[in-house]
Amino acid sequence: MKISKDEVLHVAFLSRLKLNDDEIENLNMEGVIDFANKLNELDTENIAPTNHILDIKNVFREDKIEKSFDRDEILKNAPQKQRGCVVVPQTVEE
């Protein structure tokens, strides 16, 4: 199955991957698809489904209502504030 450059770009977009031209040309999508098809041929009937390879469990606790900090006390220590909120540097591109 031949994968077009447009299909590679579409999958990269969906995966939120930035690929340069060299990576796009050398990406072996056919190999990835062939490998996935081989995995689909495996007999997994007696294999228990898992969502993590380690036996990890969430530990839940009861929520407790506790005294919180006063907003004005917190804002006194903030280097920058605006409309009752702490101003922080932008971390995400627009």
PDB file of N, CA and C in Angstrom:
ATOM      1  N   MET A   1       0.845  -1.175   0.000  1.00  0.00           N
ATOM      2  CA  MET A   1       0.000   0.000   0.000  1.00  0.00           C
ATOM      3  C   MET A   1       0.891   1.239   0.000  1.00  0.00           C
ATOM      4  N   LYS A   2       0.815   2.032  -1.034  1.00  0.00           N
ATOM      5  CA  LYS A   2       1.627   3.239  -1.164  1.00  0.00           C
ATOM      6  C   LYS A   2       0.933   4.399  -0.463  1.00  0.00           C
ATOM      7  N   ILE A   3       1.673   5.111   0.359  1.00  0.00           N
ATOM      8  CA  ILE A   3       1.154   6.252   1.106  1.00  0.00           C
ATOM      9  C   ILE A   3       1.668   7.530   0.448  1.00  0.00           C
ATOM     10  N   SER A   4       0.761   8.442   0.123  1.00  0.00           N
ATOM     11  CA  SER A   4       1.156   9.682  -0.546  1.00  0.00           C
ATOM     12  C   SER A   4       1.730  10.677   0.465  1.00  0.00           C
ATOM     13  N   LYS A   5       2.431  11.665  -0.062  1.00  0.00           N
ATOM     14  CA  LYS A   5       2.993  12.722   0.781  1.00  0.00           C
ATOM     15  C   LYS A   5       1.869  13.470   1.503  1.00  0.00           C
ATOM     16  N   ASP A   6       0.745  13.692   0.816  1.00  0.00           N
ATOM     17  CA  ASP A   6      -0.393  14.378   1.443  1.00  0.00           C
ATOM     18  C   ASP A   6      -0.939  13.578   2.616  1.00  0.00           C
ATOM     19  N   GLU A   7      -0.973  12.253   2.484  1.00  0.00           N
ATOM     20  CA  GLU A   7      -1.457  11.411   3.584  1.00  0.00           C
ATOM     21  C   GLU A   7      -0.499  11.469   4.776  1.00  0.00           C
ATOM     22  N   VAL A   8       0.801  11.488   4.494  1.00  0.00           N
ATOM     23  CA  VAL A   8       1.794  11.619   5.565  1.00  0.00           C
ATOM     24  C   VAL A   8       1.607  12.951   6.282  1.00  0.00           C
ATOM     25  N   LEU A   9       1.417  14.023   5.515  1.00  0.00           N
ATOM     26  CA  LEU A   9       1.209  15.344   6.111  1.00  0.00           C
ATOM     27  C   LEU A   9      -0.070  15.383   6.942  1.00  0.00           C
ATOM     28  N   HIS A  10      -1.108  14.713   6.463  1.00  0.00           N
ATOM     29  CA  HIS A  10      -2.374  14.683   7.194  1.00  0.00           C
ATOM     30  C   HIS A  10      -2.212  13.935   8.525  1.00  0.00           C
ATOM     31  N   VAL A  11      -1.553  12.793   8.496  1.00  0.00           N
ATOM     32  CA  VAL A  11      -1.323  12.028   9.726  1.00  0.00           C
ATOM     33  C   VAL A  11      -0.433  12.829  10.683  1.00  0.00           C
ATOM     34  N   ALA A  12       0.577  13.502  10.150  1.00  0.00           N
ATOM     35  CA  ALA A  12       1.446  14.331  10.992  1.00  0.00           C
ATOM     36  C   ALA A  12       0.644  15.454  11.642  1.00  0.00           C
ATOM     37  N   PHE A  13      -0.261  16.059  10.878  1.00  0.00           N
ATOM     38  CA  PHE A  13      -1.109  17.124  11.427  1.00  0.00           C
ATOM     39  C   PHE A  13      -1.991  16.579  12.544  1.00  0.00           C
ATOM     40  N   LEU A  14      -2.630  15.434  12.317  1.00  0.00           N
ATOM     41  CA  LEU A  14      -3.497  14.838  13.333  1.00  0.00           C
ATOM     42  C   LEU A  14      -2.714  14.461  14.584  1.00  0.00           C
ATOM     43  N   SER A  15      -1.446  14.064  14.391  1.00  0.00           N
ATOM     44  CA  SER A  15      -0.592  13.658  15.512  1.00  0.00           C
ATOM     45  C   SER A  15       0.114  14.839  16.157  1.00  0.00           C
ATOM     46  N   ARG A  16      -0.098  16.008  15.597  1.00  0.00           N
ATOM     47  CA  ARG A  16       0.558  17.233  16.070  1.00  0.00           C
ATOM     48  C   ARG A  16       2.079  17.113  15.990  1.00  0.00           C
ATOM     49  N   LEU A  17       2.552  16.506  14.883  1.00  0.00           N
ATOM     50  CA  LEU A  17       3.985  16.365  14.648  1.00  0.00           C
ATOM     51  C   LEU A  17       4.426  17.370  13.600  1.00  0.00           C
ATOM     52  N   LYS A  18       5.568  17.986  13.832  1.00  0.00           N
ATOM     53  CA  LYS A  18       6.149  18.881  12.834  1.00  0.00           C
ATOM     54  C   LYS A  18       7.256  18.104  12.139  1.00  0.00           C
ATOM     55  N   LEU A  19       7.072  17.828  10.855  1.00  0.00           N
ATOM     56  CA  LEU A  19       8.060  17.080  10.087  1.00  0.00           C
ATOM     57  C   LEU A  19       8.693  18.001   9.060  1.00  0.00           C
ATOM     58  N   ASN A  20      10.023  17.911   8.914  1.00  0.00           N
ATOM     59  CA  ASN A  20      10.658  18.667   7.847  1.00  0.00           C
ATOM     60  C   ASN A  20      10.592  17.845   6.559  1.00  0.00           C
ATOM     61  N   ASP A  21      11.001  18.436   5.433  1.00  0.00           N
ATOM     62  CA  ASP A  21      10.878  17.767   4.131  1.00  0.00           C
ATOM     63  C   ASP A  21      11.622  16.439   4.094  1.00  0.00           C
ATOM     64  N   ASP A  22      12.812  16.393   4.710  1.00  0.00           N
ATOM     65  CA  ASP A  22      13.597  15.159   4.717  1.00  0.00           C
ATOM     66  C   ASP A  22      12.869  14.058   5.487  1.00  0.00           C
ATOM     67  N   GLU A  23      12.279  14.407   6.624  1.00  0.00           N
ATOM     68  CA  GLU A  23      11.537  13.425   7.419  1.00  0.00           C
ATOM     69  C   GLU A  23      10.304  12.929   6.672  1.00  0.00           C
ATOM     70  N   ILE A  24       9.643  13.820   5.955  1.00  0.00           N
ATOM     71  CA  ILE A  24       8.456  13.427   5.193  1.00  0.00           C
ATOM     72  C   ILE A  24       8.836  12.433   4.105  1.00  0.00           C
ATOM     73  N   GLU A  25       9.934  12.711   3.405  1.00  0.00           N
ATOM     74  CA  GLU A  25      10.361  11.832   2.311  1.00  0.00           C
ATOM     75  C   GLU A  25      10.829  10.474   2.829  1.00  0.00           C
ATOM     76  N   ASN A  26      11.468  10.445   4.000  1.00  0.00           N
ATOM     77  CA  ASN A  26      12.049   9.203   4.512  1.00  0.00           C
ATOM     78  C   ASN A  26      11.140   8.439   5.463  1.00  0.00           C
ATOM     79  N   LEU A  27       9.978   8.989   5.763  1.00  0.00           N
ATOM     80  CA  LEU A  27       9.062   8.312   6.674  1.00  0.00           C
ATOM     81  C   LEU A  27       8.513   7.061   6.004  1.00  0.00           C
ATOM     82  N   ASN A  28       8.669   5.935   6.668  1.00  0.00           N
ATOM     83  CA  ASN A  28       8.261   4.652   6.100  1.00  0.00           C
ATOM     84  C   ASN A  28       6.877   4.280   6.629  1.00  0.00           C
ATOM     85  N   MET A  29       5.857   4.977   6.148  1.00  0.00           N
ATOM     86  CA  MET A  29       4.493   4.708   6.604  1.00  0.00           C
ATOM     87  C   MET A  29       4.038   3.313   6.190  1.00  0.00           C
ATOM     88  N   GLU A  30       4.505   2.849   5.026  1.00  0.00           N
ATOM     89  CA  GLU A  30       4.118   1.503   4.594  1.00  0.00           C
ATOM     90  C   GLU A  30       4.590   0.471   5.607  1.00  0.00           C
ATOM     91  N   GLY A  31       5.810   0.656   6.119  1.00  0.00           N
ATOM     92  CA  GLY A  31       6.345  -0.261   7.123  1.00  0.00           C
ATOM     93  C   GLY A  31       5.540  -0.225   8.412  1.00  0.00           C
ATOM     94  N   VAL A  32       5.112   0.966   8.806  1.00  0.00           N
ATOM     95  CA  VAL A  32       4.298   1.107  10.017  1.00  0.00           C
ATOM     96  C   VAL A  32       2.969   0.386   9.834  1.00  0.00           C
ATOM     97  N   ILE A  33       2.340   0.582   8.676  1.00  0.00           N
ATOM     98  CA  ILE A  33       1.048  -0.063   8.402  1.00  0.00           C
ATOM     99  C   ILE A  33       1.209  -1.576   8.304  1.00  0.00           C
ATOM    100  N   ASP A  34       2.277  -2.034   7.651  1.00  0.00           N
ATOM    101  CA  ASP A  34       2.528  -3.481   7.566  1.00  0.00           C
ATOM    102  C   ASP A  34       2.707  -4.082   8.960  1.00  0.00           C
ATOM    103  N   PHE A  35       3.440  -3.381   9.828  1.00  0.00           N
ATOM    104  CA  PHE A  35       3.648  -3.866  11.187  1.00  0.00           C
ATOM    105  C   PHE A  35       2.323  -3.929  11.945  1.00  0.00           C
ATOM    106  N   ALA A  36       1.485  -2.898  11.798  1.00  0.00           N
ATOM    107  CA  ALA A  36       0.178  -2.891  12.466  1.00  0.00           C
ATOM    108  C   ALA A  36      -0.680  -4.048  11.960  1.00  0.00           C
ATOM    109  N   ASN A  37      -0.611  -4.330  10.666  1.00  0.00           N
ATOM    110  CA  ASN A  37      -1.373  -5.454  10.116  1.00  0.00           C
ATOM    111  C   ASN A  37      -0.877  -6.785  10.674  1.00  0.00           C
ATOM    112  N   LYS A  38       0.439  -6.919  10.863  1.00  0.00           N
ATOM    113  CA  LYS A  38       0.976  -8.143  11.466  1.00  0.00           C
ATOM    114  C   LYS A  38       0.474  -8.294  12.901  1.00  0.00           C
ATOM    115  N   LEU A  39       0.423  -7.186  13.636  1.00  0.00           N
ATOM    116  CA  LEU A  39      -0.090  -7.236  15.007  1.00  0.00           C
ATOM    117  C   LEU A  39      -1.552  -7.664  15.025  1.00  0.00           C
ATOM    118  N   ASN A  40      -2.313  -7.223  14.026  1.00  0.00           N
ATOM    119  CA  ASN A  40      -3.727  -7.603  13.946  1.00  0.00           C
ATOM    120  C   ASN A  40      -3.911  -9.098  13.709  1.00  0.00           C
ATOM    121  N   GLU A  41      -2.899  -9.760  13.151  1.00  0.00           N
ATOM    122  CA  GLU A  41      -2.985 -11.194  12.872  1.00  0.00           C
ATOM    123  C   GLU A  41      -2.697 -12.046  14.111  1.00  0.00           C
ATOM    124  N   LEU A  42      -2.146 -11.450  15.160  1.00  0.00           N
ATOM    125  CA  LEU A  42      -1.796 -12.213  16.358  1.00  0.00           C
ATOM    126  C   LEU A  42      -3.039 -12.707  17.080  1.00  0.00           C
ATOM    127  N   ASP A  43      -2.921 -13.914  17.642  1.00  0.00           N
ATOM    128  CA  ASP A  43      -4.011 -14.477  18.436  1.00  0.00           C
ATOM    129  C   ASP A  43      -3.894 -13.925  19.855  1.00  0.00           C
ATOM    130  N   THR A  44      -4.808 -13.061  20.216  1.00  0.00           N
ATOM    131  CA  THR A  44      -4.784 -12.442  21.544  1.00  0.00           C
ATOM    132  C   THR A  44      -5.975 -12.871  22.393  1.00  0.00           C
ATOM    133  N   GLU A  45      -6.600 -13.978  22.007  1.00  0.00           N
ATOM    134  CA  GLU A  45      -7.811 -14.416  22.700  1.00  0.00           C
ATOM    135  C   GLU A  45      -7.571 -14.686  24.186  1.00  0.00           C
ATOM    136  N   ASN A  46      -6.418 -15.245  24.535  1.00  0.00           N
ATOM    137  CA  ASN A  46      -6.135 -15.583  25.934  1.00  0.00           C
ATOM    138  C   ASN A  46      -5.288 -14.524  26.641  1.00  0.00           C
ATOM    139  N   ILE A  47      -5.184 -13.361  26.043  1.00  0.00           N
ATOM    140  CA  ILE A  47      -4.408 -12.271  26.628  1.00  0.00           C
ATOM    141  C   ILE A  47      -5.380 -11.274  27.256  1.00  0.00           C
ATOM    142  N   ALA A  48      -5.175 -10.991  28.531  1.00  0.00           N
ATOM    143  CA  ALA A  48      -6.055 -10.038  29.221  1.00  0.00           C
ATOM    144  C   ALA A  48      -5.794  -8.628  28.700  1.00  0.00           C
ATOM    145  N   PRO A  49      -6.856  -7.868  28.465  1.00  0.00           N
ATOM    146  CA  PRO A  49      -6.659  -6.488  28.011  1.00  0.00           C
ATOM    147  C   PRO A  49      -5.998  -5.656  29.108  1.00  0.00           C
ATOM    148  N   THR A  50      -5.092  -4.789  28.705  1.00  0.00           N
ATOM    149  CA  THR A  50      -4.421  -3.911  29.659  1.00  0.00           C
ATOM    150  C   THR A  50      -4.386  -2.505  29.093  1.00  0.00           C
ATOM    151  N   ASN A  51      -4.270  -1.539  29.968  1.00  0.00           N
ATOM    152  CA  ASN A  51      -4.064  -0.178  29.499  1.00  0.00           C
ATOM    153  C   ASN A  51      -2.719   0.359  29.975  1.00  0.00           C
ATOM    154  N   HIS A  52      -1.977  -0.464  30.716  1.00  0.00           N
ATOM    155  CA  HIS A  52      -0.639  -0.094  31.162  1.00  0.00           C
ATOM    156  C   HIS A  52       0.137  -1.384  31.420  1.00  0.00           C
ATOM    157  N   ILE A  53       1.416  -1.387  31.068  1.00  0.00           N
ATOM    158  CA  ILE A  53       2.183  -2.624  31.215  1.00  0.00           C
ATOM    159  C   ILE A  53       2.480  -2.959  32.670  1.00  0.00           C
ATOM    160  N   LEU A  54       2.457  -1.956  33.548  1.00  0.00           N
ATOM    161  CA  LEU A  54       2.678  -2.199  34.971  1.00  0.00           C
ATOM    162  C   LEU A  54       1.341  -2.244  35.691  1.00  0.00           C
ATOM    163  N   ASP A  55       1.312  -2.929  36.811  1.00  0.00           N
ATOM    164  CA  ASP A  55       0.081  -3.036  37.586  1.00  0.00           C
ATOM    165  C   ASP A  55      -0.076  -1.783  38.452  1.00  0.00           C
ATOM    166  N   ILE A  56      -0.484  -0.692  37.807  1.00  0.00           N
ATOM    167  CA  ILE A  56      -0.631   0.585  38.496  1.00  0.00           C
ATOM    168  C   ILE A  56      -2.112   0.852  38.721  1.00  0.00           C
ATOM    169  N   LYS A  57      -2.425   1.308  39.911  1.00  0.00           N
ATOM    170  CA  LYS A  57      -3.815   1.627  40.233  1.00  0.00           C
ATOM    171  C   LYS A  57      -3.881   3.046  40.781  1.00  0.00           C
ATOM    172  N   ASN A  58      -4.981   3.720  40.503  1.00  0.00           N
ATOM    173  CA  ASN A  58      -5.212   5.031  41.100  1.00  0.00           C
ATOM    174  C   ASN A  58      -5.579   4.855  42.564  1.00  0.00           C
ATOM    175  N   VAL A  59      -5.070   5.735  43.378  1.00  0.00           N
ATOM    176  CA  VAL A  59      -5.420   5.724  44.791  1.00  0.00           C
ATOM    177  C   VAL A  59      -6.309   6.938  45.030  1.00  0.00           C
ATOM    178  N   PHE A  60      -7.543   6.676  45.389  1.00  0.00           N
ATOM    179  CA  PHE A  60      -8.487   7.757  45.608  1.00  0.00           C
ATOM    180  C   PHE A  60      -8.591   8.058  47.095  1.00  0.00           C
ATOM    181  N   ARG A  61      -8.963   9.277  47.394  1.00  0.00           N
ATOM    182  CA  ARG A  61      -9.178   9.682  48.774  1.00  0.00           C
ATOM    183  C   ARG A  61     -10.427  10.540  48.815  1.00  0.00           C
ATOM    184  N   GLU A  62     -10.961  10.656  49.983  1.00  0.00           N
ATOM    185  CA  GLU A  62     -12.120  11.523  50.173  1.00  0.00           C
ATOM    186  C   GLU A  62     -11.681  12.980  50.044  1.00  0.00           C
ATOM    187  N   ASP A  63     -12.494  13.789  49.397  1.00  0.00           N
ATOM    188  CA  ASP A  63     -12.223  15.222  49.347  1.00  0.00           C
ATOM    189  C   ASP A  63     -12.526  15.831  50.705  1.00  0.00           C
ATOM    190  N   LYS A  64     -11.636  16.713  51.138  1.00  0.00           N
ATOM    191  CA  LYS A  64     -11.854  17.395  52.410  1.00  0.00           C
ATOM    192  C   LYS A  64     -11.886  18.898  52.149  1.00  0.00           C
ATOM    193  N   ILE A  65     -12.847  19.558  52.724  1.00  0.00           N
ATOM    194  CA  ILE A  65     -12.900  21.012  52.632  1.00  0.00           C
ATOM    195  C   ILE A  65     -11.987  21.562  53.713  1.00  0.00           C
ATOM    196  N   GLU A  66     -10.999  22.335  53.287  1.00  0.00           N
ATOM    197  CA  GLU A  66     -10.040  22.908  54.219  1.00  0.00           C
ATOM    198  C   GLU A  66      -9.933  24.404  53.987  1.00  0.00           C
ATOM    199  N   LYS A  67      -9.406  25.087  54.962  1.00  0.00           N
ATOM    200  CA  LYS A  67      -9.216  26.525  54.839  1.00  0.00           C
ATOM    201  C   LYS A  67      -8.215  26.791  53.725  1.00  0.00           C
ATOM    202  N   SER A  68      -8.530  27.753  52.897  1.00  0.00           N
ATOM    203  CA  SER A  68      -7.678  28.105  51.778  1.00  0.00           C
ATOM    204  C   SER A  68      -7.023  29.455  52.042  1.00  0.00           C
ATOM    205  N   PHE A  69      -6.121  29.829  51.171  1.00  0.00           N
ATOM    206  CA  PHE A  69      -5.480  31.130  51.294  1.00  0.00           C
ATOM    207  C   PHE A  69      -6.442  32.225  50.853  1.00  0.00           C
ATOM    208  N   ASP A  70      -6.285  33.380  51.419  1.00  0.00           N
ATOM    209  CA  ASP A  70      -7.076  34.536  51.046  1.00  0.00           C
ATOM    210  C   ASP A  70      -6.508  35.121  49.747  1.00  0.00           C
ATOM    211  N   ARG A  71      -7.374  35.454  48.802  1.00  0.00           N
ATOM    212  CA  ARG A  71      -6.940  35.969  47.497  1.00  0.00           C
ATOM    213  C   ARG A  71      -6.050  37.204  47.659  1.00  0.00           C
ATOM    214  N   ASP A  72      -6.437  38.127  48.512  1.00  0.00           N
ATOM    215  CA  ASP A  72      -5.647  39.348  48.691  1.00  0.00           C
ATOM    216  C   ASP A  72      -4.258  39.042  49.235  1.00  0.00           C
ATOM    217  N   GLU A  73      -4.151  38.046  50.123  1.00  0.00           N
ATOM    218  CA  GLU A  73      -2.843  37.647  50.658  1.00  0.00           C
ATOM    219  C   GLU A  73      -1.956  37.096  49.542  1.00  0.00           C
ATOM    220  N   ILE A  74      -2.529  36.288  48.679  1.00  0.00           N
ATOM    221  CA  ILE A  74      -1.761  35.717  47.561  1.00  0.00           C
ATOM    222  C   ILE A  74      -1.325  36.818  46.609  1.00  0.00           C
ATOM    223  N   LEU A  75      -2.238  37.712  46.265  1.00  0.00           N
ATOM    224  CA  LEU A  75      -1.927  38.771  45.309  1.00  0.00           C
ATOM    225  C   LEU A  75      -0.887  39.748  45.850  1.00  0.00           C
ATOM    226  N   LYS A  76      -0.765  39.868  47.171  1.00  0.00           N
ATOM    227  CA  LYS A  76       0.258  40.749  47.746  1.00  0.00           C
ATOM    228  C   LYS A  76       1.655  40.287  47.340  1.00  0.00           C
ATOM    229  N   ASN A  77       1.836  38.986  47.159  1.00  0.00           N
ATOM    230  CA  ASN A  77       3.148  38.427  46.830  1.00  0.00           C
ATOM    231  C   ASN A  77       3.386  38.284  45.331  1.00  0.00           C
ATOM    232  N   ALA A  78       2.390  38.551  44.515  1.00  0.00           N
ATOM    233  CA  ALA A  78       2.526  38.373  43.066  1.00  0.00           C
ATOM    234  C   ALA A  78       3.297  39.541  42.461  1.00  0.00           C
ATOM    235  N   PRO A  79       4.311  39.253  41.624  1.00  0.00           N
ATOM    236  CA  PRO A  79       5.056  40.344  40.998  1.00  0.00           C
ATOM    237  C   PRO A  79       4.186  41.155  40.029  1.00  0.00           C
ATOM    238  N   GLN A  80       3.242  40.470  39.366  1.00  0.00           N
ATOM    239  CA  GLN A  80       2.328  41.150  38.445  1.00  0.00           C
ATOM    240  C   GLN A  80       0.925  40.625  38.683  1.00  0.00           C
ATOM    241  N   LYS A  81      -0.033  41.535  38.660  1.00  0.00           N
ATOM    242  CA  LYS A  81      -1.427  41.123  38.820  1.00  0.00           C
ATOM    243  C   LYS A  81      -2.298  41.973  37.910  1.00  0.00           C
ATOM    244  N   GLN A  82      -3.423  41.396  37.544  1.00  0.00           N
ATOM    245  CA  GLN A  82      -4.353  42.091  36.654  1.00  0.00           C
ATOM    246  C   GLN A  82      -5.761  41.579  36.936  1.00  0.00           C
ATOM    247  N   ARG A  83      -6.678  42.458  37.231  1.00  0.00           N
ATOM    248  CA  ARG A  83      -8.084  42.129  37.481  1.00  0.00           C
ATOM    249  C   ARG A  83      -8.247  40.990  38.496  1.00  0.00           C
ATOM    250  N   GLY A  84      -7.483  41.036  39.567  1.00  0.00           N
ATOM    251  CA  GLY A  84      -7.624  40.053  40.627  1.00  0.00           C
ATOM    252  C   GLY A  84      -6.973  38.714  40.342  1.00  0.00           C
ATOM    253  N   CYS A  85      -6.097  38.656  39.330  1.00  0.00           N
ATOM    254  CA  CYS A  85      -5.413  37.403  38.973  1.00  0.00           C
ATOM    255  C   CYS A  85      -3.911  37.646  38.896  1.00  0.00           C
ATOM    256  N   VAL A  86      -3.139  36.586  39.100  1.00  0.00           N
ATOM    257  CA  VAL A  86      -1.693  36.650  38.952  1.00  0.00           C
ATOM    258  C   VAL A  86      -1.365  36.564  37.467  1.00  0.00           C
ATOM    259  N   VAL A  87      -0.509  37.460  36.976  1.00  0.00           N
ATOM    260  CA  VAL A  87      -0.087  37.448  35.577  1.00  0.00           C
ATOM    261  C   VAL A  87       1.195  36.629  35.488  1.00  0.00           C
ATOM    262  N   VAL A  88       1.199  35.647  34.568  1.00  0.00           N
ATOM    263  CA  VAL A  88       2.372  34.790  34.358  1.00  0.00           C
ATOM    264  C   VAL A  88       2.816  34.904  32.907  1.00  0.00           C
ATOM    265  N   PRO A  89       4.073  34.562  32.603  1.00  0.00           N
ATOM    266  CA  PRO A  89       4.533  34.617  31.217  1.00  0.00           C
ATOM    267  C   PRO A  89       3.741  33.647  30.341  1.00  0.00           C
ATOM    268  N   GLN A  90       3.571  34.026  29.080  1.00  0.00           N
ATOM    269  CA  GLN A  90       2.872  33.162  28.127  1.00  0.00           C
ATOM    270  C   GLN A  90       3.710  31.914  27.879  1.00  0.00           C
ATOM    271  N   THR A  91       3.076  30.749  27.913  1.00  0.00           N
ATOM    272  CA  THR A  91       3.794  29.490  27.709  1.00  0.00           C
ATOM    273  C   THR A  91       3.329  28.739  26.469  1.00  0.00           C
ATOM    274  N   VAL A  92       2.230  29.157  25.854  1.00  0.00           N
ATOM    275  CA  VAL A  92       1.676  28.461  24.693  1.00  0.00           C
ATOM    276  C   VAL A  92       1.611  29.433  23.529  1.00  0.00           C
ATOM    277  N   GLU A  93       2.028  28.968  22.351  1.00  0.00           N
ATOM    278  CA  GLU A  93       1.937  29.810  21.163  1.00  0.00           C
ATOM    279  C   GLU A  93       0.488  30.013  20.782  1.00  0.00           C
ATOM    280  N   GLU A  94       0.200  31.175  20.213  1.00  0.00           N
ATOM    281  CA  GLU A  94      -1.174  31.439  19.772  1.00  0.00           C
ATOM    282  C   GLU A  94      -1.425  30.844  18.419  1.00  0.00           C
TER     283      GLU A  94
END
